N, C-alpha and C. Protein backbone atom coordinates (compact mmCIF):
# COMPACT_ATOMS: atom_id res chain seq x y z
N MET A 1 70.92 145.57 96.70
CA MET A 1 71.28 144.64 97.98
C MET A 1 71.06 143.76 98.22
N LYS A 2 69.28 143.83 97.49
CA LYS A 2 68.91 142.00 97.61
C LYS A 2 69.19 141.48 96.45
N LYS A 3 69.91 142.29 95.35
CA LYS A 3 70.26 141.71 94.18
C LYS A 3 71.44 141.12 94.35
N LEU A 4 72.24 141.18 94.96
CA LEU A 4 73.63 140.42 95.69
C LEU A 4 73.44 139.98 96.35
N LEU A 5 72.23 139.85 97.80
CA LEU A 5 72.18 138.70 98.89
C LEU A 5 71.65 137.57 98.15
N ALA A 6 70.67 138.22 96.78
CA ALA A 6 70.33 136.77 96.16
C ALA A 6 70.97 135.74 95.35
N VAL A 7 72.03 136.67 94.68
CA VAL A 7 73.03 135.51 94.17
C VAL A 7 74.18 135.45 95.11
N LEU A 8 74.39 135.34 96.13
CA LEU A 8 75.02 135.06 97.07
C LEU A 8 74.71 133.70 97.35
N VAL A 9 73.21 134.01 97.81
CA VAL A 9 72.25 132.52 98.38
C VAL A 9 72.24 131.66 97.46
N LEU A 10 72.22 132.20 95.77
CA LEU A 10 72.11 131.10 94.68
C LEU A 10 73.24 130.22 94.76
N GLY A 11 74.51 131.33 94.76
CA GLY A 11 75.85 130.43 95.01
C GLY A 11 76.07 129.46 95.49
N ALA A 12 75.67 129.93 97.18
CA ALA A 12 76.03 128.83 97.92
C ALA A 12 75.04 127.60 97.65
N CYS A 13 74.03 128.20 97.48
CA CYS A 13 72.98 126.56 96.66
C CYS A 13 73.87 126.01 95.94
N ALA A 14 74.31 126.40 95.12
CA ALA A 14 74.92 125.90 93.72
C ALA A 14 75.95 124.71 94.12
N GLY A 15 76.73 125.48 95.18
CA GLY A 15 77.99 124.41 95.28
C GLY A 15 77.70 123.88 96.19
N ALA A 16 76.52 124.22 97.22
CA ALA A 16 76.06 122.67 98.31
C ALA A 16 76.01 121.34 97.14
N ALA A 17 74.94 122.05 96.22
CA ALA A 17 74.45 121.16 94.97
C ALA A 17 75.42 120.54 94.50
N SER A 18 76.53 120.91 94.03
CA SER A 18 77.81 120.24 93.10
C SER A 18 78.59 119.44 94.13
N ALA A 19 78.62 119.55 95.80
CA ALA A 19 78.95 119.08 96.29
C ALA A 19 78.21 117.28 96.82
N ALA A 20 76.86 117.95 96.56
CA ALA A 20 76.10 116.21 97.17
C ALA A 20 75.99 115.82 95.31
N ASP A 21 75.96 116.48 94.18
CA ASP A 21 76.36 115.31 93.41
C ASP A 21 77.17 114.35 93.15
N VAL A 22 78.39 114.62 93.70
CA VAL A 22 79.12 113.36 93.90
C VAL A 22 78.98 111.76 94.10
N VAL A 23 79.05 111.26 92.81
CA VAL A 23 78.37 109.50 93.18
C VAL A 23 79.62 108.80 92.74
N GLY A 24 79.88 107.57 94.11
CA GLY A 24 80.84 106.78 94.02
C GLY A 24 80.95 105.93 92.95
N ASN A 25 81.75 105.57 92.03
CA ASN A 25 81.67 104.79 90.51
C ASN A 25 82.57 103.44 91.21
N PRO A 26 82.26 102.04 91.56
CA PRO A 26 83.23 101.35 91.80
C PRO A 26 84.60 100.87 90.67
N LYS A 27 83.89 100.96 89.74
CA LYS A 27 84.11 100.61 88.40
C LYS A 27 85.86 101.57 87.95
N ALA A 28 85.59 102.41 88.60
CA ALA A 28 86.41 103.47 88.36
C ALA A 28 87.77 103.65 89.29
N ALA A 29 87.53 102.99 90.65
CA ALA A 29 87.96 102.80 91.39
C ALA A 29 89.72 102.07 91.29
N PRO A 30 89.64 100.89 90.54
CA PRO A 30 91.24 99.99 90.38
C PRO A 30 91.98 100.94 90.48
N ALA A 31 92.02 101.90 89.20
CA ALA A 31 93.26 102.51 89.30
C ALA A 31 93.76 103.59 90.77
N LYS A 32 92.73 103.34 91.72
CA LYS A 32 93.05 104.24 92.78
C LYS A 32 93.40 103.79 93.96
N ILE A 33 93.12 102.74 94.20
CA ILE A 33 92.94 101.93 95.31
C ILE A 33 94.70 101.28 95.65
N GLU A 34 95.40 101.45 94.30
CA GLU A 34 96.61 100.59 94.38
C GLU A 34 97.77 101.11 95.80
N MET A 35 97.25 102.29 95.99
CA MET A 35 97.95 102.82 97.44
C MET A 35 97.03 102.18 98.70
N CYS A 36 96.29 101.73 98.64
CA CYS A 36 95.66 101.45 99.78
C CYS A 36 96.02 99.97 99.94
N ILE A 37 96.29 98.93 98.94
CA ILE A 37 95.88 97.46 99.33
C ILE A 37 97.18 97.32 100.04
N GLY A 38 98.29 98.12 99.77
CA GLY A 38 99.59 97.59 100.09
C GLY A 38 99.27 97.52 101.92
N CYS A 39 98.84 98.45 102.46
CA CYS A 39 98.30 98.33 103.86
C CYS A 39 97.13 97.47 104.45
N HIS A 40 96.01 97.79 103.42
CA HIS A 40 94.52 97.72 103.86
C HIS A 40 94.68 96.25 103.11
N GLY A 41 95.18 95.80 102.14
CA GLY A 41 94.78 94.40 101.51
C GLY A 41 95.58 93.31 102.51
N ILE A 42 96.46 93.20 103.51
CA ILE A 42 96.98 92.30 103.71
C ILE A 42 96.67 91.92 104.96
N PRO A 43 95.72 90.71 105.14
CA PRO A 43 94.96 90.29 106.49
C PRO A 43 96.14 90.41 107.61
N GLY A 44 96.04 90.93 108.65
CA GLY A 44 96.91 90.93 110.13
C GLY A 44 98.12 91.78 109.74
N TYR A 45 97.89 92.75 109.15
CA TYR A 45 99.23 93.39 108.82
C TYR A 45 99.00 95.11 109.84
N LYS A 46 100.60 94.82 110.41
CA LYS A 46 100.83 96.09 111.76
C LYS A 46 101.64 96.84 110.67
N SER A 47 101.46 98.24 111.14
CA SER A 47 102.08 99.45 110.72
C SER A 47 103.30 99.78 111.71
N ALA A 48 104.13 100.34 111.24
CA ALA A 48 105.20 100.42 112.19
C ALA A 48 105.27 102.17 112.51
N PHE A 49 104.62 102.87 111.50
CA PHE A 49 104.50 104.12 111.64
C PHE A 49 103.33 104.81 111.38
N PRO A 50 103.21 105.79 112.27
CA PRO A 50 103.90 106.48 113.16
C PRO A 50 104.19 105.67 114.52
N GLU A 51 103.05 104.69 114.85
CA GLU A 51 103.74 104.09 115.85
C GLU A 51 102.68 102.73 115.47
N VAL A 52 103.32 101.00 116.23
CA VAL A 52 102.77 100.05 115.61
C VAL A 52 101.22 100.06 116.20
N TYR A 53 100.36 99.85 115.01
CA TYR A 53 99.25 99.05 115.36
C TYR A 53 98.79 98.29 114.23
N GLN A 54 97.29 98.02 114.55
CA GLN A 54 96.47 96.75 113.60
C GLN A 54 96.01 97.71 112.50
N VAL A 55 96.60 97.39 110.91
CA VAL A 55 96.01 98.08 110.09
C VAL A 55 94.56 97.70 109.55
N PRO A 56 93.45 98.35 109.71
CA PRO A 56 92.20 98.04 109.57
C PRO A 56 91.85 97.04 108.20
N MET A 57 91.24 96.20 107.75
CA MET A 57 90.77 95.97 106.71
C MET A 57 89.43 96.85 106.37
N ILE A 58 89.21 97.35 104.95
CA ILE A 58 88.01 98.10 104.74
C ILE A 58 87.21 97.30 104.05
N GLY A 59 87.39 96.45 103.74
CA GLY A 59 87.18 95.85 102.35
C GLY A 59 85.36 95.46 103.31
N GLY A 60 84.35 95.77 102.72
CA GLY A 60 83.00 95.44 103.29
C GLY A 60 82.53 96.68 104.09
N GLN A 61 82.94 97.77 104.69
CA GLN A 61 82.71 98.82 105.68
C GLN A 61 81.68 99.49 104.49
N SER A 62 81.02 100.43 105.14
CA SER A 62 80.16 101.34 104.46
C SER A 62 80.51 102.29 103.79
N ALA A 63 80.00 102.91 102.60
CA ALA A 63 80.80 103.87 101.67
C ALA A 63 80.69 105.03 102.53
N LYS A 64 79.54 105.34 103.52
CA LYS A 64 79.84 106.72 103.90
C LYS A 64 80.91 106.60 104.98
N TYR A 65 80.76 105.79 105.77
CA TYR A 65 82.05 105.79 106.75
C TYR A 65 83.43 106.34 106.08
N ILE A 66 83.91 105.27 104.94
CA ILE A 66 85.24 105.75 104.22
C ILE A 66 85.26 106.76 103.60
N GLU A 67 84.05 107.30 103.08
CA GLU A 67 84.12 109.00 102.88
C GLU A 67 84.43 109.81 103.82
N ALA A 68 83.91 109.69 104.98
CA ALA A 68 84.04 110.38 106.24
C ALA A 68 85.58 110.07 106.85
N ALA A 69 85.71 109.43 106.66
CA ALA A 69 87.20 109.11 107.22
C ALA A 69 88.15 109.70 106.50
N LEU A 70 88.21 109.28 104.90
CA LEU A 70 89.06 110.24 104.08
C LEU A 70 88.93 111.28 104.05
N HIS A 71 87.73 111.93 104.14
CA HIS A 71 87.53 113.51 104.22
C HIS A 71 88.31 114.18 105.64
N ALA A 72 88.02 113.06 106.86
CA ALA A 72 88.52 113.70 107.71
C ALA A 72 89.82 113.95 107.87
N TYR A 73 90.64 112.61 107.42
CA TYR A 73 92.27 112.62 106.83
C TYR A 73 92.60 113.68 106.24
N LYS A 74 91.73 114.13 105.05
CA LYS A 74 92.11 115.12 104.47
C LYS A 74 92.19 116.58 104.82
N LYS A 75 90.99 116.91 105.95
CA LYS A 75 90.78 117.93 106.57
C LYS A 75 91.95 118.24 107.69
N GLY A 76 92.67 116.89 108.15
CA GLY A 76 93.45 116.95 109.35
C GLY A 76 92.65 116.92 110.71
N ASP A 77 91.42 116.40 110.66
CA ASP A 77 90.91 115.83 111.93
C ASP A 77 91.39 114.85 112.42
N ARG A 78 91.26 113.67 111.45
CA ARG A 78 91.86 112.46 111.89
C ARG A 78 93.60 112.78 111.74
N LYS A 79 94.47 111.86 112.46
CA LYS A 79 95.81 111.91 112.78
C LYS A 79 96.16 110.73 112.31
N HIS A 80 97.04 110.65 110.94
CA HIS A 80 97.71 109.94 110.77
C HIS A 80 98.62 110.45 109.65
N PRO A 81 100.12 110.74 109.61
CA PRO A 81 100.77 111.48 108.61
C PRO A 81 100.84 110.48 106.90
N SER A 82 100.95 109.18 107.08
CA SER A 82 100.58 108.60 105.77
C SER A 82 98.88 108.83 105.18
N MET A 83 98.08 108.35 106.15
CA MET A 83 97.02 109.07 105.43
C MET A 83 96.24 109.92 105.11
N ARG A 84 97.04 111.21 105.77
CA ARG A 84 97.10 112.53 105.73
C ARG A 84 97.25 112.97 104.69
N GLY A 85 98.34 111.83 103.98
CA GLY A 85 99.31 112.48 102.84
C GLY A 85 98.34 111.92 101.61
N ILE A 86 97.75 110.70 101.80
CA ILE A 86 97.28 109.85 100.82
C ILE A 86 95.87 110.48 100.49
N ALA A 87 94.94 110.62 101.34
CA ALA A 87 93.63 111.72 101.57
C ALA A 87 93.49 112.52 101.02
N ALA A 88 94.93 113.53 100.96
CA ALA A 88 94.95 115.00 100.47
C ALA A 88 95.16 115.00 98.74
N SER A 89 95.77 114.00 98.12
CA SER A 89 96.08 113.74 96.85
C SER A 89 94.49 113.51 96.29
N LEU A 90 93.43 113.24 96.86
CA LEU A 90 92.57 112.56 96.47
C LEU A 90 91.31 113.55 96.16
N SER A 91 90.96 113.44 94.67
CA SER A 91 89.53 114.72 94.87
C SER A 91 88.27 114.05 95.51
N ASP A 92 87.40 114.86 95.80
CA ASP A 92 86.25 114.52 95.94
C ASP A 92 85.56 113.19 94.95
N GLN A 93 85.73 112.96 94.06
CA GLN A 93 85.02 112.04 92.70
C GLN A 93 85.98 110.51 93.09
N ASP A 94 87.58 111.10 93.78
CA ASP A 94 88.37 109.78 94.10
C ASP A 94 87.67 109.09 95.51
N ILE A 95 87.15 110.06 96.34
CA ILE A 95 87.08 109.28 97.49
C ILE A 95 85.87 108.82 97.17
N ALA A 96 84.83 108.99 96.36
CA ALA A 96 83.50 108.62 96.38
C ALA A 96 83.98 107.08 95.60
N ASP A 97 84.61 107.04 94.83
CA ASP A 97 84.70 106.06 93.98
C ASP A 97 85.78 105.13 95.02
N VAL A 98 86.29 105.02 95.56
CA VAL A 98 87.33 104.21 96.35
C VAL A 98 86.20 103.78 97.25
N ALA A 99 85.75 104.43 97.92
CA ALA A 99 84.60 104.36 98.90
C ALA A 99 83.39 103.25 98.20
N ALA A 100 82.95 103.63 97.37
CA ALA A 100 82.06 102.31 96.91
C ALA A 100 82.33 101.25 96.46
N TYR A 101 83.77 101.10 95.74
CA TYR A 101 84.49 99.66 95.35
C TYR A 101 84.80 99.12 96.97
N TYR A 102 85.10 99.99 98.00
CA TYR A 102 85.71 99.00 99.32
C TYR A 102 83.98 98.74 99.78
N SER A 103 83.39 99.55 99.94
CA SER A 103 82.07 99.00 100.25
C SER A 103 81.47 97.70 99.38
N GLN A 104 81.49 97.52 98.16
CA GLN A 104 81.21 96.03 97.53
C GLN A 104 82.13 94.96 97.93
N GLN A 105 83.29 95.26 99.00
CA GLN A 105 83.75 93.93 98.80
C GLN A 105 83.16 92.99 99.99
N THR A 106 83.56 92.43 100.17
CA THR A 106 83.63 91.08 100.84
C THR A 106 84.59 90.34 101.91
N ALA A 107 84.34 89.53 102.68
CA ALA A 107 85.44 89.01 103.38
C ALA A 107 86.08 87.80 102.55
N GLN A 108 85.68 87.77 101.14
CA GLN A 108 86.21 86.95 100.48
C GLN A 108 87.07 87.49 99.51
N ASN A 109 86.71 88.79 99.04
CA ASN A 109 87.36 89.19 97.75
C ASN A 109 88.03 90.74 98.18
N ARG A 110 88.75 90.38 99.74
CA ARG A 110 88.87 92.06 100.09
C ARG A 110 90.32 92.11 99.44
N LYS A 111 90.05 93.70 98.63
CA LYS A 111 92.05 93.96 98.64
C LYS A 111 92.30 95.45 99.31
């Protein structure tokens, strides 16, 4: 019984460690951000689905915020059909890469 408990604890720790090991690479992001640019790369853009609202510019936002938002969309904690679909298609590495890329943007080079 003690061996089983030890194996379960080690397995849980290994899973947590691998999730924490994901490091964003902004150079890997350009192929992943094409779906973001269409809305988030247009200054003053307003979406009409599911309702009309101002789409935020995400360039320069903190990587932690972008990662948290994408994970929340992926889990369904944040509600927006388009963003949920996009986030659901991203791996944890993709999310980290996209977040790292956008966190390095400034007002002059936002996409």
